[in-house]
Amino acid sequence: MNNFHKAIIGLLALFFGISVYFYFMLPDTIITHWGIDGQPNGWAGSAEGLFILPVVSLVIIVLFRLFASIDPIASTNPRFHRLFDWFSIYFVGFMLYLQIWVIAANSGVAVNMNQVLAPAMAVLFYSVGALIENAPRNWFMGIRTPWTISSDTVWIKTNRLGGKVFKIFGILCLPGIFFEFPFIVWAVLGLATASLWLVAYSYLEFRREKKRS
């Protein structure tokens, strides 16, 4: 077990520990969902509301590790596993950050969820961009299309470009820290549109490579 694995286990243990601690302090029904205006619009029982995020995080991390271990291309690549470990830490940290604000909102703290999510989304998008820029070709992490999987050159070009796109949209989330306008929503929609463009870009690069060869 390396230091990354210890850090991930420590974050998950902290996640569950905080959830158990506040389970006995919060009301039986808590806010679990916020609308595009940053205001509450969904509620659930305290057990469901407090434990859904840590349980989902644990399940996803276990599935991540399973998929990474059976990747037929990159499972034996140490660089892939190092990047994957970083991604796991970012993911659990992001979910833990969400949980802290869910608890705060249900403890009487006035919270506009769009504003408190903005820095977390900015860090998450930027971190994902940095990861996929450097990820070796694999079936698990990065921009995976039939054309990137089929060519190292297309993989590198598409994922380096995609990494820059993710970083840009991460930066575009930052104004949401200071304004109630839902910058995050527009950043997510823009990123979804850009992702379709990156799929087309990978196809065109693959065609160019075939013509050159």
N, C-alpha and C. Protein backbone atom coordinates (compact mmCIF):
# COMPACT_ATOMS: atom_id res chain seq x y z
N MET A 1 0.84 -1.20 0.00
CA MET A 1 0.00 0.00 0.00
C MET A 1 0.88 1.25 0.00
N ASN A 2 0.74 2.09 -1.04
CA ASN A 2 1.57 3.29 -1.13
C ASN A 2 0.88 4.46 -0.43
N ASN A 3 1.56 5.62 -0.45
CA ASN A 3 1.03 6.79 0.25
C ASN A 3 -0.28 7.30 -0.36
N PHE A 4 -0.43 7.14 -1.68
CA PHE A 4 -1.68 7.53 -2.32
C PHE A 4 -2.85 6.72 -1.76
N HIS A 5 -2.65 5.40 -1.67
CA HIS A 5 -3.72 4.54 -1.17
C HIS A 5 -4.07 4.89 0.27
N LYS A 6 -3.05 5.18 1.09
CA LYS A 6 -3.31 5.58 2.48
C LYS A 6 -4.09 6.89 2.53
N ALA A 7 -3.75 7.82 1.64
CA ALA A 7 -4.46 9.10 1.61
C ALA A 7 -5.92 8.90 1.22
N ILE A 8 -6.18 8.06 0.22
CA ILE A 8 -7.55 7.80 -0.22
C ILE A 8 -8.36 7.14 0.90
N ILE A 9 -7.77 6.14 1.55
CA ILE A 9 -8.45 5.46 2.66
C ILE A 9 -8.71 6.45 3.80
N GLY A 10 -7.71 7.32 4.08
CA GLY A 10 -7.89 8.31 5.13
C GLY A 10 -9.02 9.28 4.83
N LEU A 11 -9.11 9.73 3.56
CA LEU A 11 -10.19 10.64 3.17
C LEU A 11 -11.55 9.96 3.30
N LEU A 12 -11.63 8.70 2.87
CA LEU A 12 -12.90 7.98 2.98
C LEU A 12 -13.29 7.76 4.44
N ALA A 13 -12.31 7.44 5.29
CA ALA A 13 -12.59 7.26 6.72
C ALA A 13 -13.08 8.57 7.34
N LEU A 14 -12.44 9.69 6.97
CA LEU A 14 -12.87 11.00 7.45
C LEU A 14 -14.29 11.31 6.97
N PHE A 15 -14.56 10.97 5.72
CA PHE A 15 -15.88 11.18 5.10
C PHE A 15 -16.96 10.49 5.92
N PHE A 16 -16.76 9.20 6.20
CA PHE A 16 -17.75 8.45 6.96
C PHE A 16 -17.81 8.93 8.40
N GLY A 17 -16.66 9.26 8.98
CA GLY A 17 -16.63 9.72 10.36
C GLY A 17 -17.42 11.00 10.56
N ILE A 18 -17.23 11.97 9.66
CA ILE A 18 -17.99 13.23 9.74
C ILE A 18 -19.48 12.97 9.59
N SER A 19 -19.82 12.07 8.67
CA SER A 19 -21.24 11.77 8.42
C SER A 19 -21.89 11.14 9.65
N VAL A 20 -21.20 10.21 10.29
CA VAL A 20 -21.73 9.57 11.49
C VAL A 20 -21.88 10.60 12.61
N TYR A 21 -20.88 11.44 12.79
CA TYR A 21 -20.91 12.44 13.86
C TYR A 21 -22.12 13.36 13.73
N PHE A 22 -22.36 13.88 12.51
CA PHE A 22 -23.45 14.84 12.33
C PHE A 22 -24.80 14.17 12.19
N TYR A 23 -24.82 12.87 11.96
CA TYR A 23 -26.10 12.16 11.90
C TYR A 23 -26.89 12.34 13.19
N PHE A 24 -26.21 12.40 14.31
CA PHE A 24 -26.87 12.52 15.60
C PHE A 24 -27.15 13.98 15.99
N MET A 25 -26.77 14.92 15.13
CA MET A 25 -26.93 16.33 15.44
C MET A 25 -27.92 17.05 14.53
N LEU A 26 -28.18 16.48 13.35
CA LEU A 26 -29.05 17.15 12.39
C LEU A 26 -30.49 16.65 12.52
N PRO A 27 -31.45 17.41 12.00
CA PRO A 27 -32.86 16.97 12.07
C PRO A 27 -33.11 15.71 11.24
N ASP A 28 -34.27 15.13 11.43
CA ASP A 28 -34.60 13.87 10.74
C ASP A 28 -34.72 14.06 9.22
N THR A 29 -35.09 15.24 8.79
CA THR A 29 -35.18 15.55 7.36
C THR A 29 -34.22 16.69 7.04
N ILE A 30 -33.41 16.50 6.01
CA ILE A 30 -32.40 17.51 5.67
C ILE A 30 -32.48 17.86 4.18
N ILE A 31 -31.90 19.02 3.85
CA ILE A 31 -31.82 19.45 2.44
C ILE A 31 -30.76 18.60 1.74
N THR A 32 -31.11 18.10 0.57
CA THR A 32 -30.16 17.28 -0.19
C THR A 32 -29.95 17.77 -1.62
N HIS A 33 -30.75 18.74 -2.05
CA HIS A 33 -30.63 19.18 -3.44
C HIS A 33 -30.90 20.67 -3.54
N TRP A 34 -30.17 21.32 -4.45
CA TRP A 34 -30.33 22.75 -4.69
C TRP A 34 -30.59 22.97 -6.17
N GLY A 35 -31.41 23.96 -6.48
CA GLY A 35 -31.76 24.25 -7.87
C GLY A 35 -30.73 25.12 -8.55
N ILE A 36 -31.01 25.48 -9.80
CA ILE A 36 -30.08 26.28 -10.59
C ILE A 36 -29.87 27.66 -9.98
N ASP A 37 -30.84 28.11 -9.15
CA ASP A 37 -30.72 29.41 -8.49
C ASP A 37 -29.94 29.31 -7.18
N GLY A 38 -29.44 28.12 -6.87
CA GLY A 38 -28.66 27.93 -5.65
C GLY A 38 -29.48 27.77 -4.40
N GLN A 39 -30.81 27.65 -4.57
CA GLN A 39 -31.70 27.54 -3.41
C GLN A 39 -32.19 26.10 -3.24
N PRO A 40 -32.51 25.68 -1.99
CA PRO A 40 -32.94 24.30 -1.75
C PRO A 40 -34.21 23.95 -2.51
N ASN A 41 -34.25 22.75 -3.08
CA ASN A 41 -35.47 22.28 -3.74
C ASN A 41 -35.66 20.77 -3.59
N GLY A 42 -34.90 20.14 -2.66
CA GLY A 42 -35.06 18.70 -2.44
C GLY A 42 -34.64 18.33 -1.02
N TRP A 43 -35.38 17.40 -0.43
CA TRP A 43 -35.11 16.99 0.95
C TRP A 43 -35.15 15.47 1.05
N ALA A 44 -34.54 14.93 2.10
CA ALA A 44 -34.54 13.48 2.33
C ALA A 44 -34.30 13.22 3.81
N GLY A 45 -34.48 11.97 4.22
CA GLY A 45 -34.18 11.59 5.59
C GLY A 45 -32.69 11.78 5.87
N SER A 46 -32.36 12.00 7.13
CA SER A 46 -30.96 12.30 7.48
C SER A 46 -30.02 11.15 7.14
N ALA A 47 -30.46 9.90 7.31
CA ALA A 47 -29.59 8.77 6.99
C ALA A 47 -29.26 8.74 5.50
N GLU A 48 -30.31 8.86 4.68
CA GLU A 48 -30.09 8.87 3.23
C GLU A 48 -29.29 10.09 2.81
N GLY A 49 -29.65 11.26 3.34
CA GLY A 49 -29.01 12.49 2.94
C GLY A 49 -27.54 12.58 3.33
N LEU A 50 -27.18 12.00 4.48
CA LEU A 50 -25.80 12.11 4.96
C LEU A 50 -24.88 11.01 4.43
N PHE A 51 -25.45 9.85 4.11
CA PHE A 51 -24.58 8.73 3.75
C PHE A 51 -24.54 8.42 2.26
N ILE A 52 -25.40 9.08 1.48
CA ILE A 52 -25.39 8.79 0.05
C ILE A 52 -24.06 9.19 -0.59
N LEU A 53 -23.51 10.35 -0.22
CA LEU A 53 -22.26 10.79 -0.85
C LEU A 53 -21.06 9.92 -0.45
N PRO A 54 -20.86 9.60 0.84
CA PRO A 54 -19.73 8.73 1.16
C PRO A 54 -19.86 7.33 0.59
N VAL A 55 -21.08 6.78 0.58
CA VAL A 55 -21.27 5.43 0.03
C VAL A 55 -21.00 5.43 -1.48
N VAL A 56 -21.54 6.42 -2.18
CA VAL A 56 -21.31 6.53 -3.63
C VAL A 56 -19.82 6.70 -3.90
N SER A 57 -19.14 7.51 -3.09
CA SER A 57 -17.70 7.71 -3.28
C SER A 57 -16.93 6.41 -3.11
N LEU A 58 -17.28 5.66 -2.08
CA LEU A 58 -16.61 4.38 -1.83
C LEU A 58 -16.83 3.41 -2.99
N VAL A 59 -18.07 3.28 -3.44
CA VAL A 59 -18.40 2.36 -4.53
C VAL A 59 -17.65 2.76 -5.80
N ILE A 60 -17.65 4.05 -6.11
CA ILE A 60 -17.00 4.51 -7.34
C ILE A 60 -15.50 4.27 -7.28
N ILE A 61 -14.88 4.53 -6.12
CA ILE A 61 -13.44 4.31 -6.00
C ILE A 61 -13.11 2.82 -6.18
N VAL A 62 -13.93 1.94 -5.59
CA VAL A 62 -13.70 0.50 -5.75
C VAL A 62 -13.83 0.12 -7.23
N LEU A 63 -14.86 0.64 -7.90
CA LEU A 63 -15.04 0.33 -9.32
C LEU A 63 -13.89 0.91 -10.15
N PHE A 64 -13.47 2.14 -9.82
CA PHE A 64 -12.32 2.74 -10.50
C PHE A 64 -11.10 1.82 -10.43
N ARG A 65 -10.82 1.34 -9.24
CA ARG A 65 -9.63 0.50 -9.05
C ARG A 65 -9.76 -0.81 -9.83
N LEU A 66 -10.97 -1.36 -9.85
CA LEU A 66 -11.21 -2.59 -10.61
C LEU A 66 -10.98 -2.35 -12.09
N PHE A 67 -11.59 -1.30 -12.63
CA PHE A 67 -11.45 -1.02 -14.05
C PHE A 67 -10.00 -0.71 -14.42
N ALA A 68 -9.30 0.04 -13.55
CA ALA A 68 -7.90 0.37 -13.83
C ALA A 68 -7.03 -0.87 -13.84
N SER A 69 -7.35 -1.84 -12.98
CA SER A 69 -6.51 -3.04 -12.88
C SER A 69 -6.69 -3.98 -14.06
N ILE A 70 -7.83 -3.87 -14.76
CA ILE A 70 -8.08 -4.79 -15.87
C ILE A 70 -7.96 -4.09 -17.23
N ASP A 71 -7.54 -2.82 -17.23
CA ASP A 71 -7.35 -2.11 -18.50
C ASP A 71 -6.32 -2.86 -19.34
N PRO A 72 -6.70 -3.31 -20.54
CA PRO A 72 -5.78 -4.14 -21.34
C PRO A 72 -4.61 -3.37 -21.93
N ILE A 73 -4.68 -2.03 -21.94
CA ILE A 73 -3.61 -1.24 -22.54
C ILE A 73 -2.65 -0.72 -21.48
N ALA A 74 -3.20 -0.14 -20.40
CA ALA A 74 -2.35 0.65 -19.49
C ALA A 74 -2.22 0.08 -18.08
N SER A 75 -2.80 -1.10 -17.82
CA SER A 75 -2.80 -1.61 -16.44
C SER A 75 -1.40 -1.85 -15.90
N THR A 76 -0.42 -2.06 -16.76
CA THR A 76 0.95 -2.31 -16.31
C THR A 76 1.84 -1.07 -16.41
N ASN A 77 1.23 0.07 -16.73
CA ASN A 77 1.98 1.32 -16.90
C ASN A 77 1.98 2.09 -15.57
N PRO A 78 3.14 2.24 -14.91
CA PRO A 78 3.19 2.94 -13.62
C PRO A 78 2.69 4.39 -13.71
N ARG A 79 2.95 5.04 -14.83
CA ARG A 79 2.51 6.43 -15.01
C ARG A 79 0.99 6.52 -14.99
N PHE A 80 0.33 5.57 -15.61
CA PHE A 80 -1.13 5.54 -15.61
C PHE A 80 -1.66 5.41 -14.19
N HIS A 81 -1.08 4.50 -13.41
CA HIS A 81 -1.58 4.29 -12.05
C HIS A 81 -1.30 5.50 -11.15
N ARG A 82 -0.20 6.20 -11.36
CA ARG A 82 0.09 7.39 -10.57
C ARG A 82 -0.95 8.48 -10.86
N LEU A 83 -1.26 8.69 -12.14
CA LEU A 83 -2.28 9.67 -12.50
C LEU A 83 -3.65 9.25 -11.97
N PHE A 84 -3.93 7.97 -12.05
CA PHE A 84 -5.19 7.46 -11.54
C PHE A 84 -5.33 7.70 -10.03
N ASP A 85 -4.24 7.49 -9.29
CA ASP A 85 -4.27 7.73 -7.84
C ASP A 85 -4.55 9.21 -7.54
N TRP A 86 -3.93 10.11 -8.30
CA TRP A 86 -4.21 11.53 -8.12
C TRP A 86 -5.68 11.83 -8.39
N PHE A 87 -6.21 11.26 -9.46
CA PHE A 87 -7.62 11.48 -9.80
C PHE A 87 -8.53 11.00 -8.68
N SER A 88 -8.22 9.85 -8.08
CA SER A 88 -9.03 9.31 -6.99
C SER A 88 -9.05 10.26 -5.81
N ILE A 89 -7.90 10.86 -5.49
CA ILE A 89 -7.83 11.81 -4.38
C ILE A 89 -8.66 13.05 -4.70
N TYR A 90 -8.54 13.58 -5.92
CA TYR A 90 -9.33 14.74 -6.31
C TYR A 90 -10.82 14.43 -6.18
N PHE A 91 -11.22 13.26 -6.64
CA PHE A 91 -12.63 12.90 -6.65
C PHE A 91 -13.19 12.81 -5.23
N VAL A 92 -12.50 12.06 -4.37
CA VAL A 92 -13.00 11.91 -2.99
C VAL A 92 -12.97 13.26 -2.27
N GLY A 93 -11.92 14.05 -2.50
CA GLY A 93 -11.85 15.38 -1.90
C GLY A 93 -13.01 16.26 -2.34
N PHE A 94 -13.37 16.19 -3.61
CA PHE A 94 -14.50 16.96 -4.14
C PHE A 94 -15.80 16.53 -3.46
N MET A 95 -16.03 15.25 -3.34
CA MET A 95 -17.25 14.75 -2.72
C MET A 95 -17.30 15.11 -1.23
N LEU A 96 -16.16 15.06 -0.56
CA LEU A 96 -16.11 15.44 0.85
C LEU A 96 -16.41 16.93 1.01
N TYR A 97 -15.91 17.74 0.11
CA TYR A 97 -16.21 19.17 0.13
C TYR A 97 -17.72 19.41 0.00
N LEU A 98 -18.37 18.68 -0.92
CA LEU A 98 -19.82 18.79 -1.06
C LEU A 98 -20.52 18.43 0.25
N GLN A 99 -20.07 17.34 0.88
CA GLN A 99 -20.69 16.89 2.12
C GLN A 99 -20.59 17.95 3.22
N ILE A 100 -19.44 18.59 3.30
CA ILE A 100 -19.25 19.62 4.33
C ILE A 100 -20.26 20.75 4.16
N TRP A 101 -20.51 21.14 2.91
CA TRP A 101 -21.47 22.22 2.69
C TRP A 101 -22.91 21.76 2.87
N VAL A 102 -23.20 20.50 2.57
CA VAL A 102 -24.53 19.97 2.86
C VAL A 102 -24.78 20.03 4.37
N ILE A 103 -23.80 19.62 5.15
CA ILE A 103 -23.92 19.65 6.61
C ILE A 103 -24.06 21.10 7.10
N ALA A 104 -23.26 22.00 6.54
CA ALA A 104 -23.33 23.40 6.95
C ALA A 104 -24.70 23.99 6.67
N ALA A 105 -25.24 23.71 5.47
CA ALA A 105 -26.55 24.25 5.11
C ALA A 105 -27.64 23.73 6.03
N ASN A 106 -27.50 22.49 6.48
CA ASN A 106 -28.51 21.90 7.37
C ASN A 106 -28.24 22.19 8.84
N SER A 107 -27.16 22.92 9.10
CA SER A 107 -26.86 23.33 10.48
C SER A 107 -27.18 24.79 10.71
N GLY A 108 -27.85 25.42 9.74
CA GLY A 108 -28.28 26.80 9.92
C GLY A 108 -27.41 27.83 9.23
N VAL A 109 -26.37 27.40 8.51
CA VAL A 109 -25.50 28.34 7.78
C VAL A 109 -26.19 28.74 6.47
N ALA A 110 -26.24 30.03 6.19
CA ALA A 110 -26.83 30.50 4.93
C ALA A 110 -25.86 30.17 3.79
N VAL A 111 -26.30 29.34 2.85
CA VAL A 111 -25.43 28.85 1.79
C VAL A 111 -26.09 29.06 0.44
N ASN A 112 -25.37 29.68 -0.49
CA ASN A 112 -25.76 29.65 -1.89
C ASN A 112 -24.88 28.60 -2.55
N MET A 113 -25.46 27.47 -2.91
CA MET A 113 -24.67 26.33 -3.35
C MET A 113 -23.90 26.60 -4.63
N ASN A 114 -24.45 27.46 -5.50
CA ASN A 114 -23.70 27.80 -6.71
C ASN A 114 -22.37 28.45 -6.37
N GLN A 115 -22.38 29.34 -5.39
CA GLN A 115 -21.17 30.05 -5.03
C GLN A 115 -20.16 29.14 -4.33
N VAL A 116 -20.63 28.28 -3.42
CA VAL A 116 -19.67 27.44 -2.70
C VAL A 116 -19.14 26.30 -3.57
N LEU A 117 -19.92 25.93 -4.61
CA LEU A 117 -19.45 24.89 -5.52
C LEU A 117 -18.44 25.40 -6.53
N ALA A 118 -18.47 26.69 -6.80
CA ALA A 118 -17.63 27.25 -7.86
C ALA A 118 -16.15 26.92 -7.70
N PRO A 119 -15.53 27.13 -6.52
CA PRO A 119 -14.10 26.81 -6.43
C PRO A 119 -13.82 25.32 -6.55
N ALA A 120 -14.74 24.49 -6.03
CA ALA A 120 -14.54 23.03 -6.12
C ALA A 120 -14.62 22.57 -7.57
N MET A 121 -15.59 23.09 -8.32
CA MET A 121 -15.72 22.72 -9.72
C MET A 121 -14.52 23.23 -10.52
N ALA A 122 -14.04 24.43 -10.17
CA ALA A 122 -12.87 24.98 -10.86
C ALA A 122 -11.66 24.07 -10.66
N VAL A 123 -11.42 23.66 -9.41
CA VAL A 123 -10.28 22.78 -9.11
C VAL A 123 -10.47 21.43 -9.79
N LEU A 124 -11.70 20.89 -9.76
CA LEU A 124 -11.95 19.58 -10.36
C LEU A 124 -11.70 19.61 -11.86
N PHE A 125 -12.29 20.58 -12.56
CA PHE A 125 -12.10 20.67 -14.00
C PHE A 125 -10.63 20.87 -14.35
N TYR A 126 -9.97 21.79 -13.63
CA TYR A 126 -8.57 22.07 -13.93
C TYR A 126 -7.70 20.84 -13.68
N SER A 127 -7.99 20.12 -12.60
CA SER A 127 -7.22 18.92 -12.27
C SER A 127 -7.43 17.82 -13.31
N VAL A 128 -8.68 17.64 -13.73
CA VAL A 128 -8.96 16.66 -14.78
C VAL A 128 -8.21 17.03 -16.05
N GLY A 129 -8.19 18.33 -16.38
CA GLY A 129 -7.44 18.78 -17.55
C GLY A 129 -5.97 18.44 -17.45
N ALA A 130 -5.38 18.68 -16.27
CA ALA A 130 -3.96 18.37 -16.08
C ALA A 130 -3.70 16.87 -16.18
N LEU A 131 -4.65 16.07 -15.71
CA LEU A 131 -4.48 14.61 -15.75
C LEU A 131 -4.55 14.07 -17.18
N ILE A 132 -5.59 14.48 -17.91
CA ILE A 132 -5.75 13.88 -19.24
C ILE A 132 -4.70 14.38 -20.22
N GLU A 133 -4.14 15.57 -19.97
CA GLU A 133 -3.04 16.05 -20.81
C GLU A 133 -1.85 15.09 -20.77
N ASN A 134 -1.68 14.42 -19.64
CA ASN A 134 -0.50 13.58 -19.43
C ASN A 134 -0.79 12.09 -19.41
N ALA A 135 -2.05 11.72 -19.57
CA ALA A 135 -2.43 10.31 -19.46
C ALA A 135 -1.95 9.51 -20.68
N PRO A 136 -1.33 8.36 -20.47
CA PRO A 136 -1.02 7.49 -21.61
C PRO A 136 -2.30 6.88 -22.16
N ARG A 137 -2.23 6.36 -23.36
CA ARG A 137 -3.41 5.76 -23.99
C ARG A 137 -3.96 4.62 -23.12
N ASN A 138 -5.26 4.67 -22.86
CA ASN A 138 -5.91 3.66 -22.01
C ASN A 138 -7.41 3.68 -22.27
N TRP A 139 -8.11 2.71 -21.68
CA TRP A 139 -9.56 2.59 -21.88
C TRP A 139 -10.35 3.24 -20.74
N PHE A 140 -9.67 3.88 -19.80
CA PHE A 140 -10.35 4.27 -18.57
C PHE A 140 -10.37 5.77 -18.33
N MET A 141 -9.30 6.47 -18.64
CA MET A 141 -9.17 7.88 -18.28
C MET A 141 -8.72 8.68 -19.49
N GLY A 142 -9.39 9.80 -19.74
CA GLY A 142 -9.04 10.64 -20.87
C GLY A 142 -10.16 10.68 -21.90
N ILE A 143 -9.87 11.26 -23.05
CA ILE A 143 -10.85 11.34 -24.13
C ILE A 143 -10.69 10.09 -24.98
N ARG A 144 -11.62 9.16 -24.78
CA ARG A 144 -11.51 7.84 -25.42
C ARG A 144 -12.55 7.74 -26.54
N THR A 145 -12.06 7.72 -27.74
CA THR A 145 -12.91 7.49 -28.91
C THR A 145 -12.28 6.35 -29.69
N PRO A 146 -12.98 5.78 -30.66
CA PRO A 146 -12.36 4.72 -31.47
C PRO A 146 -11.06 5.17 -32.12
N TRP A 147 -10.94 6.49 -32.38
CA TRP A 147 -9.78 7.00 -33.10
C TRP A 147 -8.61 7.31 -32.17
N THR A 148 -8.89 7.76 -30.95
CA THR A 148 -7.78 7.97 -30.01
C THR A 148 -7.23 6.65 -29.50
N ILE A 149 -8.13 5.67 -29.30
CA ILE A 149 -7.69 4.35 -28.83
C ILE A 149 -6.85 3.64 -29.90
N SER A 150 -7.10 3.97 -31.15
CA SER A 150 -6.42 3.28 -32.25
C SER A 150 -5.07 3.87 -32.60
N SER A 151 -4.74 5.04 -32.04
CA SER A 151 -3.50 5.71 -32.45
C SER A 151 -2.92 6.50 -31.28
N ASP A 152 -1.65 6.25 -30.99
CA ASP A 152 -0.98 7.03 -29.95
C ASP A 152 -0.90 8.51 -30.33
N THR A 153 -0.65 8.79 -31.60
CA THR A 153 -0.53 10.18 -32.05
C THR A 153 -1.85 10.92 -31.88
N VAL A 154 -2.94 10.30 -32.31
CA VAL A 154 -4.26 10.93 -32.17
C VAL A 154 -4.62 11.07 -30.69
N TRP A 155 -4.28 10.05 -29.90
CA TRP A 155 -4.53 10.13 -28.46
C TRP A 155 -3.83 11.35 -27.85
N ILE A 156 -2.56 11.50 -28.14
CA ILE A 156 -1.77 12.59 -27.55
C ILE A 156 -2.33 13.95 -27.98
N LYS A 157 -2.58 14.12 -29.27
CA LYS A 157 -3.07 15.41 -29.76
C LYS A 157 -4.44 15.74 -29.16
N THR A 158 -5.35 14.77 -29.17
CA THR A 158 -6.70 15.02 -28.68
C THR A 158 -6.72 15.28 -27.19
N ASN A 159 -5.98 14.51 -26.42
CA ASN A 159 -6.02 14.67 -24.97
C ASN A 159 -5.25 15.90 -24.50
N ARG A 160 -4.21 16.27 -25.22
CA ARG A 160 -3.53 17.53 -24.86
C ARG A 160 -4.45 18.72 -25.11
N LEU A 161 -5.15 18.69 -26.23
CA LEU A 161 -6.11 19.75 -26.51
C LEU A 161 -7.26 19.70 -25.51
N GLY A 162 -7.77 18.50 -25.24
CA GLY A 162 -8.86 18.35 -24.28
C GLY A 162 -8.47 18.82 -22.89
N GLY A 163 -7.23 18.56 -22.50
CA GLY A 163 -6.77 19.02 -21.20
C GLY A 163 -6.82 20.53 -21.10
N LYS A 164 -6.43 21.22 -22.15
CA LYS A 164 -6.49 22.69 -22.15
C LYS A 164 -7.94 23.16 -22.07
N VAL A 165 -8.85 22.46 -22.77
CA VAL A 165 -10.26 22.83 -22.74
C VAL A 165 -10.82 22.70 -21.32
N PHE A 166 -10.53 21.59 -20.65
CA PHE A 166 -11.00 21.40 -19.28
C PHE A 166 -10.45 22.49 -18.36
N LYS A 167 -9.18 22.83 -18.53
CA LYS A 167 -8.59 23.88 -17.69
C LYS A 167 -9.29 25.23 -17.91
N ILE A 168 -9.59 25.54 -19.16
CA ILE A 168 -10.26 26.81 -19.46
C ILE A 168 -11.63 26.86 -18.78
N PHE A 169 -12.39 25.78 -18.89
CA PHE A 169 -13.71 25.79 -18.29
C PHE A 169 -13.63 25.75 -16.76
N GLY A 170 -12.56 25.19 -16.22
CA GLY A 170 -12.35 25.28 -14.78
C GLY A 170 -12.16 26.73 -14.35
N ILE A 171 -11.36 27.46 -15.10
CA ILE A 171 -11.14 28.88 -14.80
C ILE A 171 -12.44 29.68 -14.93
N LEU A 172 -13.27 29.30 -15.91
CA LEU A 172 -14.54 30.01 -16.12
C LEU A 172 -15.52 29.81 -14.97
N CYS A 173 -15.29 28.80 -14.13
CA CYS A 173 -16.15 28.60 -12.95
C CYS A 173 -15.83 29.59 -11.83
N LEU A 174 -14.62 30.16 -11.85
CA LEU A 174 -14.16 30.96 -10.71
C LEU A 174 -15.01 32.20 -10.43
N PRO A 175 -15.53 32.92 -11.45
CA PRO A 175 -16.37 34.09 -11.11
C PRO A 175 -17.58 33.72 -10.25
N GLY A 176 -18.00 32.46 -10.30
CA GLY A 176 -19.14 32.02 -9.49
C GLY A 176 -18.89 32.10 -8.00
N ILE A 177 -17.63 32.25 -7.58
CA ILE A 177 -17.32 32.43 -6.16
C ILE A 177 -17.90 33.76 -5.66
N PHE A 178 -17.95 34.76 -6.54
CA PHE A 178 -18.29 36.11 -6.12
C PHE A 178 -19.70 36.53 -6.53
N PHE A 179 -20.31 35.79 -7.46
CA PHE A 179 -21.63 36.18 -7.96
C PHE A 179 -22.61 35.02 -7.82
N GLU A 180 -23.89 35.34 -7.64
CA GLU A 180 -24.92 34.31 -7.53
C GLU A 180 -25.31 33.74 -8.89
N PHE A 181 -24.92 34.42 -9.97
CA PHE A 181 -25.22 33.90 -11.31
C PHE A 181 -24.61 32.51 -11.47
N PRO A 182 -25.37 31.54 -12.00
CA PRO A 182 -24.88 30.15 -12.06
C PRO A 182 -23.82 29.91 -13.14
N PHE A 183 -22.61 30.45 -12.91
CA PHE A 183 -21.52 30.25 -13.86
C PHE A 183 -21.23 28.77 -14.07
N ILE A 184 -21.41 27.96 -13.02
CA ILE A 184 -21.10 26.53 -13.12
C ILE A 184 -21.95 25.87 -14.19
N VAL A 185 -23.24 26.23 -14.23
CA VAL A 185 -24.15 25.62 -15.20
C VAL A 185 -23.68 25.91 -16.62
N TRP A 186 -23.30 27.16 -16.87
CA TRP A 186 -22.85 27.52 -18.20
C TRP A 186 -21.52 26.86 -18.53
N ALA A 187 -20.66 26.73 -17.53
CA ALA A 187 -19.38 26.06 -17.76
C ALA A 187 -19.59 24.59 -18.11
N VAL A 188 -20.51 23.93 -17.40
CA VAL A 188 -20.79 22.51 -17.68
C VAL A 188 -21.39 22.34 -19.06
N LEU A 189 -22.34 23.21 -19.43
CA LEU A 189 -22.94 23.13 -20.76
C LEU A 189 -21.89 23.39 -21.85
N GLY A 190 -21.03 24.37 -21.60
CA GLY A 190 -19.97 24.66 -22.56
C GLY A 190 -19.01 23.51 -22.70
N LEU A 191 -18.69 22.87 -21.58
CA LEU A 191 -17.77 21.73 -21.62
C LEU A 191 -18.39 20.55 -22.36
N ALA A 192 -19.70 20.34 -22.19
CA ALA A 192 -20.38 19.26 -22.91
C ALA A 192 -20.31 19.51 -24.42
N THR A 193 -20.53 20.77 -24.83
CA THR A 193 -20.44 21.12 -26.25
C THR A 193 -19.01 20.92 -26.77
N ALA A 194 -18.03 21.36 -25.98
CA ALA A 194 -16.63 21.22 -26.37
C ALA A 194 -16.24 19.75 -26.49
N SER A 195 -16.82 18.91 -25.65
CA SER A 195 -16.50 17.48 -25.69
C SER A 195 -16.94 16.86 -27.02
N LEU A 196 -18.10 17.28 -27.53
CA LEU A 196 -18.55 16.80 -28.83
C LEU A 196 -17.58 17.24 -29.92
N TRP A 197 -17.09 18.46 -29.81
CA TRP A 197 -16.11 18.97 -30.77
C TRP A 197 -14.81 18.16 -30.70
N LEU A 198 -14.39 17.76 -29.50
CA LEU A 198 -13.17 16.97 -29.35
C LEU A 198 -13.32 15.58 -29.97
N VAL A 199 -14.51 15.02 -29.90
CA VAL A 199 -14.76 13.74 -30.56
C VAL A 199 -14.56 13.89 -32.07
N ALA A 200 -15.14 14.97 -32.62
CA ALA A 200 -14.98 15.23 -34.05
C ALA A 200 -13.51 15.49 -34.39
N TYR A 201 -12.81 16.21 -33.51
CA TYR A 201 -11.40 16.51 -33.73
C TYR A 201 -10.57 15.22 -33.80
N SER A 202 -10.87 14.27 -32.91
CA SER A 202 -10.11 13.01 -32.92
C SER A 202 -10.34 12.24 -34.22
N TYR A 203 -11.56 12.28 -34.73
CA TYR A 203 -11.86 11.61 -36.00
C TYR A 203 -11.08 12.26 -37.15
N LEU A 204 -11.08 13.60 -37.19
CA LEU A 204 -10.39 14.31 -38.27
C LEU A 204 -8.88 14.08 -38.20
N GLU A 205 -8.32 14.05 -36.99
CA GLU A 205 -6.90 13.78 -36.84
C GLU A 205 -6.55 12.37 -37.29
N PHE A 206 -7.44 11.42 -37.00
CA PHE A 206 -7.22 10.05 -37.42
C PHE A 206 -7.23 9.96 -38.95
N ARG A 207 -8.17 10.67 -39.58
CA ARG A 207 -8.23 10.69 -41.04
C ARG A 207 -6.95 11.28 -41.62
N ARG A 208 -6.47 12.38 -41.03
CA ARG A 208 -5.23 13.00 -41.52
C ARG A 208 -4.06 12.04 -41.39
N GLU A 209 -3.99 11.33 -40.27
CA GLU A 209 -2.90 10.40 -40.06
C GLU A 209 -2.94 9.28 -41.10
N LYS A 210 -4.13 8.80 -41.40
CA LYS A 210 -4.25 7.74 -42.39
C LYS A 210 -3.83 8.23 -43.79
N LYS A 211 -4.17 9.47 -44.12
CA LYS A 211 -3.79 10.01 -45.42
C LYS A 211 -2.27 10.15 -45.52
N ARG A 212 -1.63 10.59 -44.41
CA ARG A 212 -0.18 10.75 -44.42
C ARG A 212 0.54 9.43 -44.56
N SER A 213 -0.08 8.35 -44.02
CA SER A 213 0.58 7.05 -44.07
C SER A 213 0.25 6.28 -45.34
